């Protein structure tokens, strides 16, 4: 277990702000011991949450071209056929994973292949489980072409709390299943669009983990 690099600045600035906050309280409330210690407890809880949020567990896997792994930790909130309007512009099988602030937020490549498309879209900040969030929220879309020629689309979607999408994918990159795709801060959703007829391995409302849970066979 380690700390993700996306959290370094937040953890440093958060630590400084919490120290200044507590020092200020101890100065302006010299006789109110209860409030001062409650502030210390609150600060410890907040910083512990930040450490927990930016955790980066070691999750290695041996790539398997026949499997699609979960790109994120969280709960499966959508498994349905839907029209993908940005890239494919046809019917696809959509699987969506909602990440709460308590899930690990490092996103991973669900398959190996070549990056065919990367596009960032500014947008709204509706709750991530809203059906329209995949089209209207701030989002980043990545398409991977596997060695067999199948194209898989992954979409990072910001939610009501999330305010920062980080995408590491670059056009024409060759990527390996299980490697880091990006990171989203703080609570969000990841959609994956598969060819219609793909054999889905997980039911609706199932909790999944990136690099551990197989969501489909191709």
Protein backbone atom coordinates (compact mmCIF):
# COMPACT_ATOMS: atom_id res chain seq x y z
CA UNK A 1 0.00 0.00 0.00
CA UNK A 2 1.28 3.44 -0.94
CA UNK A 3 -0.02 6.98 -1.53
CA UNK A 4 -1.00 8.00 -5.06
CA UNK A 5 1.03 10.82 -6.60
CA UNK A 6 -2.18 12.77 -7.33
CA UNK A 7 -2.57 13.21 -3.58
CA UNK A 8 0.87 14.60 -2.74
CA UNK A 9 0.00 18.31 -3.08
CA UNK A 10 -3.38 17.97 -1.38
CA UNK A 11 -1.86 16.07 1.53
CA UNK A 12 0.93 18.63 1.99
CA UNK A 13 -1.36 21.66 1.79
CA UNK A 14 -4.02 19.91 3.87
CA UNK A 15 -1.49 19.18 6.60
CA UNK A 16 -0.30 22.81 6.66
CA UNK A 17 -3.87 24.20 6.75
CA UNK A 18 -4.95 21.88 9.55
CA UNK A 19 -1.87 22.77 11.62
CA UNK A 20 -2.54 26.50 11.12
CA UNK A 21 -6.23 26.00 11.96
CA UNK A 22 -5.40 24.28 15.25
CA UNK A 23 -2.67 26.76 16.20
CA UNK A 24 -5.09 29.63 15.59
CA UNK A 25 -7.77 28.00 17.76
CA UNK A 26 -5.31 27.43 20.61
CA UNK A 27 -4.37 31.12 20.43
CA UNK A 28 -7.87 32.65 20.26
CA UNK A 29 -9.50 30.14 22.66
CA UNK A 30 -6.88 29.75 25.41
CA UNK A 31 -9.39 28.69 28.07
CA UNK A 32 -11.70 26.47 26.03
CA UNK A 33 -9.94 23.13 26.23
CA UNK A 34 -12.91 21.08 24.98
CA UNK A 35 -13.27 22.96 21.67
CA UNK A 36 -9.52 22.92 21.11
CA UNK A 37 -9.29 19.14 21.54
CA UNK A 38 -12.40 18.58 19.44
CA UNK A 39 -10.69 20.57 16.69
CA UNK A 40 -7.61 18.36 16.99
CA UNK A 41 -9.78 15.24 16.75
CA UNK A 42 -11.64 16.64 13.72
CA UNK A 43 -8.33 17.47 12.02
CA UNK A 44 -6.98 13.97 12.60
CA UNK A 45 -10.15 12.45 11.16
CA UNK A 46 -10.02 14.71 8.08
CA UNK A 47 -6.37 13.93 7.41
CA UNK A 48 -6.93 10.20 7.93
CA UNK A 49 -9.71 10.36 5.33
CA UNK A 50 -7.39 12.07 2.85
CA UNK A 51 -4.74 9.40 3.38
CA UNK A 52 -7.39 6.71 2.93
CA UNK A 53 -8.77 8.35 -0.24
CA UNK A 54 -5.38 8.61 -1.95
CA UNK A 55 -4.29 5.08 -1.04
CA UNK A 56 -2.78 3.03 -3.86
CA UNK A 57 -2.90 -0.71 -3.18
CA UNK A 58 -0.58 -2.96 -5.17
CA UNK A 59 -2.73 -4.86 -7.69
CA UNK A 60 -0.80 -6.68 -10.35
CA UNK A 61 -2.30 -9.03 -12.89
CA UNK A 62 -1.21 -11.10 -15.86
CA UNK A 63 -2.96 -9.68 -18.95
CA UNK A 64 -5.59 -11.96 -20.46
CA UNK A 65 -6.88 -10.97 -23.93
CA UNK A 66 -10.11 -12.88 -23.35
CA UNK A 67 -11.14 -10.96 -20.22
CA UNK A 68 -12.29 -7.43 -19.42
CA UNK A 69 -11.33 -6.36 -15.89
CA UNK A 70 -13.11 -3.67 -13.88
CA UNK A 71 -11.48 -0.27 -14.57
CA UNK A 72 -12.42 1.04 -11.11
CA UNK A 73 -13.43 0.09 -7.58
CA UNK A 74 -17.09 0.61 -6.73
CA UNK A 75 -20.65 -0.57 -7.30
CA UNK A 76 -22.06 -1.61 -10.68
CA UNK A 77 -25.01 0.75 -11.24
CA UNK A 78 -25.73 0.17 -14.94
CA UNK A 79 -25.72 -2.96 -17.12
CA UNK A 80 -27.72 -2.26 -20.27
CA UNK A 81 -27.68 -1.81 -24.01
CA UNK A 82 -27.59 1.86 -24.93
CA UNK A 83 -26.65 4.13 -27.82
CA UNK A 84 -23.12 5.49 -27.45
CA UNK A 85 -23.30 8.93 -29.07
CA UNK A 86 -19.74 10.26 -28.98
CA UNK A 87 -17.53 7.72 -30.76
CA UNK A 88 -19.34 4.58 -31.92
CA UNK A 89 -22.70 6.27 -32.58
CA UNK A 90 -24.45 2.92 -32.40
CA UNK A 91 -25.78 0.40 -29.88
CA UNK A 92 -23.32 -0.77 -27.23
CA UNK A 93 -23.43 -2.70 -23.97
CA UNK A 94 -22.77 -0.24 -21.16
CA UNK A 95 -21.44 -1.17 -17.72
CA UNK A 96 -21.11 1.70 -15.22
CA UNK A 97 -19.27 1.65 -11.90
CA UNK A 98 -20.04 4.25 -9.24
CA UNK A 99 -17.15 5.17 -6.96
CA UNK A 100 -18.01 6.60 -3.56
CA UNK A 101 -15.46 8.81 -1.72
CA UNK A 102 -14.46 5.69 0.23
CA UNK A 103 -13.41 3.66 -2.81
CA UNK A 104 -9.88 3.51 -4.21
CA UNK A 105 -9.89 6.05 -7.08
CA UNK A 106 -7.07 4.92 -9.34
CA UNK A 107 -8.57 3.90 -12.71
CA UNK A 108 -7.04 1.03 -14.69
CA UNK A 109 -7.05 -0.18 -18.28
CA UNK A 110 -9.60 -3.01 -18.55
CA UNK A 111 -7.90 -4.46 -21.66
CA UNK A 112 -4.58 -4.23 -23.46
CA UNK A 113 -4.29 -2.54 -26.84
CA UNK A 114 -3.69 0.71 -28.70
CA UNK A 115 -5.28 4.05 -27.79
CA UNK A 116 -7.43 5.09 -30.75
CA UNK A 117 -9.23 8.08 -29.25
CA UNK A 118 -8.85 10.42 -26.26
CA UNK A 119 -11.13 13.39 -25.64
CA UNK A 120 -11.82 15.57 -22.60
CA UNK A 121 -15.20 17.33 -22.27
CA UNK A 122 -15.98 20.07 -19.72
CA UNK A 123 -19.52 19.85 -18.38
CA UNK A 124 -21.90 19.75 -15.43
CA UNK A 125 -21.55 18.12 -12.02
CA UNK A 126 -24.75 16.14 -11.60
CA UNK A 127 -24.72 13.19 -9.22
CA UNK A 128 -22.67 10.44 -10.85
CA UNK A 129 -25.46 7.86 -10.84
CA UNK A 130 -27.78 10.11 -12.87
CA UNK A 131 -28.54 8.48 -16.29
CA UNK A 132 -27.49 11.65 -18.15
CA UNK A 133 -24.20 12.16 -16.29
CA UNK A 134 -22.34 10.12 -18.93
CA UNK A 135 -23.37 12.69 -21.57
CA UNK A 136 -23.63 15.99 -19.68
CA UNK A 137 -21.04 15.91 -16.87
CA UNK A 138 -17.37 16.73 -17.10
CA UNK A 139 -15.85 13.60 -18.60
CA UNK A 140 -12.92 12.05 -20.40
CA UNK A 141 -13.37 9.37 -23.09
CA UNK A 142 -10.74 6.81 -24.08
CA UNK A 143 -11.05 4.12 -26.78
CA UNK A 144 -8.74 1.10 -26.83
CA UNK A 145 -8.39 -1.21 -29.83
CA UNK A 146 -7.41 -4.71 -28.73
CA UNK A 147 -5.06 -7.00 -30.67
CA UNK A 148 -8.13 -8.76 -32.10
CA UNK A 149 -9.51 -5.48 -33.49
CA UNK A 150 -12.29 -4.96 -30.94
CA UNK A 151 -12.74 -1.41 -29.68
CA UNK A 152 -13.55 -0.81 -25.99
CA UNK A 153 -14.58 2.65 -24.77
CA UNK A 154 -13.91 3.82 -21.20
CA UNK A 155 -15.36 7.07 -19.90
CA UNK A 156 -14.32 8.80 -16.68
CA UNK A 157 -17.26 10.86 -15.43
CA UNK A 158 -17.12 13.57 -12.74
CA UNK A 159 -19.87 13.60 -10.12
CA UNK A 160 -21.41 16.14 -7.74
CA UNK A 161 -18.32 16.02 -5.49
CA UNK A 162 -15.62 15.20 -8.04
CA UNK A 163 -13.95 18.30 -9.48
CA UNK A 164 -10.84 16.92 -11.14
CA UNK A 165 -10.44 14.23 -13.78
CA UNK A 166 -6.90 13.09 -14.55
CA UNK A 167 -6.31 10.99 -17.69
CA UNK A 168 -2.91 9.52 -18.51
CA UNK A 169 -3.90 7.98 -21.87
CA UNK A 170 -2.27 9.48 -24.97
CA UNK A 171 -3.34 8.92 -28.57
CA UNK A 172 -1.51 5.98 -30.25
CA UNK A 173 -0.07 4.71 -26.95
CA UNK A 174 0.16 0.95 -26.54
CA UNK A 175 -1.29 0.17 -23.11
CA UNK A 176 -1.24 -2.89 -20.90
CA UNK A 177 -4.24 -4.32 -19.12
CA UNK A 178 -4.10 -3.35 -15.44
CA UNK A 179 -1.87 -0.29 -15.82
CA UNK A 180 -3.08 3.11 -14.62
CA UNK A 181 -5.48 4.94 -16.90
CA UNK A 182 -6.09 7.93 -14.63
CA UNK A 183 -7.54 9.23 -11.38
CA UNK A 184 -10.72 11.08 -10.32
CA UNK A 185 -11.12 13.28 -7.22
CA UNK A 186 -13.50 12.85 -5.09
CA UNK A 187 -16.28 10.34 -5.85
CA UNK A 188 -17.35 9.68 -9.41
CA UNK A 189 -18.18 7.09 -12.05
CA UNK A 190 -16.50 5.07 -14.80
CA UNK A 191 -18.45 3.77 -17.82
CA UNK A 192 -17.25 1.04 -20.14
CA UNK A 193 -18.91 0.39 -23.52
CA UNK A 194 -18.55 -3.09 -24.97
CA UNK A 195 -19.76 -4.72 -28.22
CA UNK A 196 -23.37 -5.91 -28.04
CA UNK A 197 -23.43 -9.60 -27.22
CA UNK A 198 -20.43 -9.45 -24.88
CA UNK A 199 -20.73 -12.01 -22.07
CA UNK A 200 -21.13 -10.04 -18.82
CA UNK A 201 -19.74 -11.70 -15.69
CA UNK A 202 -21.12 -9.42 -12.95
CA UNK A 203 -24.68 -8.59 -11.87
CA UNK A 204 -26.17 -5.16 -11.19
CA UNK A 205 -25.25 -3.68 -7.76
CA UNK A 206 -22.20 -5.94 -7.48
CA UNK A 207 -19.16 -4.43 -5.73
CA UNK A 208 -16.09 -4.71 -7.96
CA UNK A 209 -12.38 -3.93 -7.70
CA UNK A 210 -10.03 -2.69 -10.40
CA UNK A 211 -7.58 -5.37 -11.61
CA UNK A 212 -9.38 -8.02 -9.52
CA UNK A 213 -12.98 -8.30 -10.76
CA UNK A 214 -13.67 -9.70 -14.21
CA UNK A 215 -16.66 -7.86 -15.66
CA UNK A 216 -16.87 -9.48 -19.10
CA UNK A 217 -15.44 -12.01 -21.55
CA UNK A 218 -14.60 -11.02 -25.13
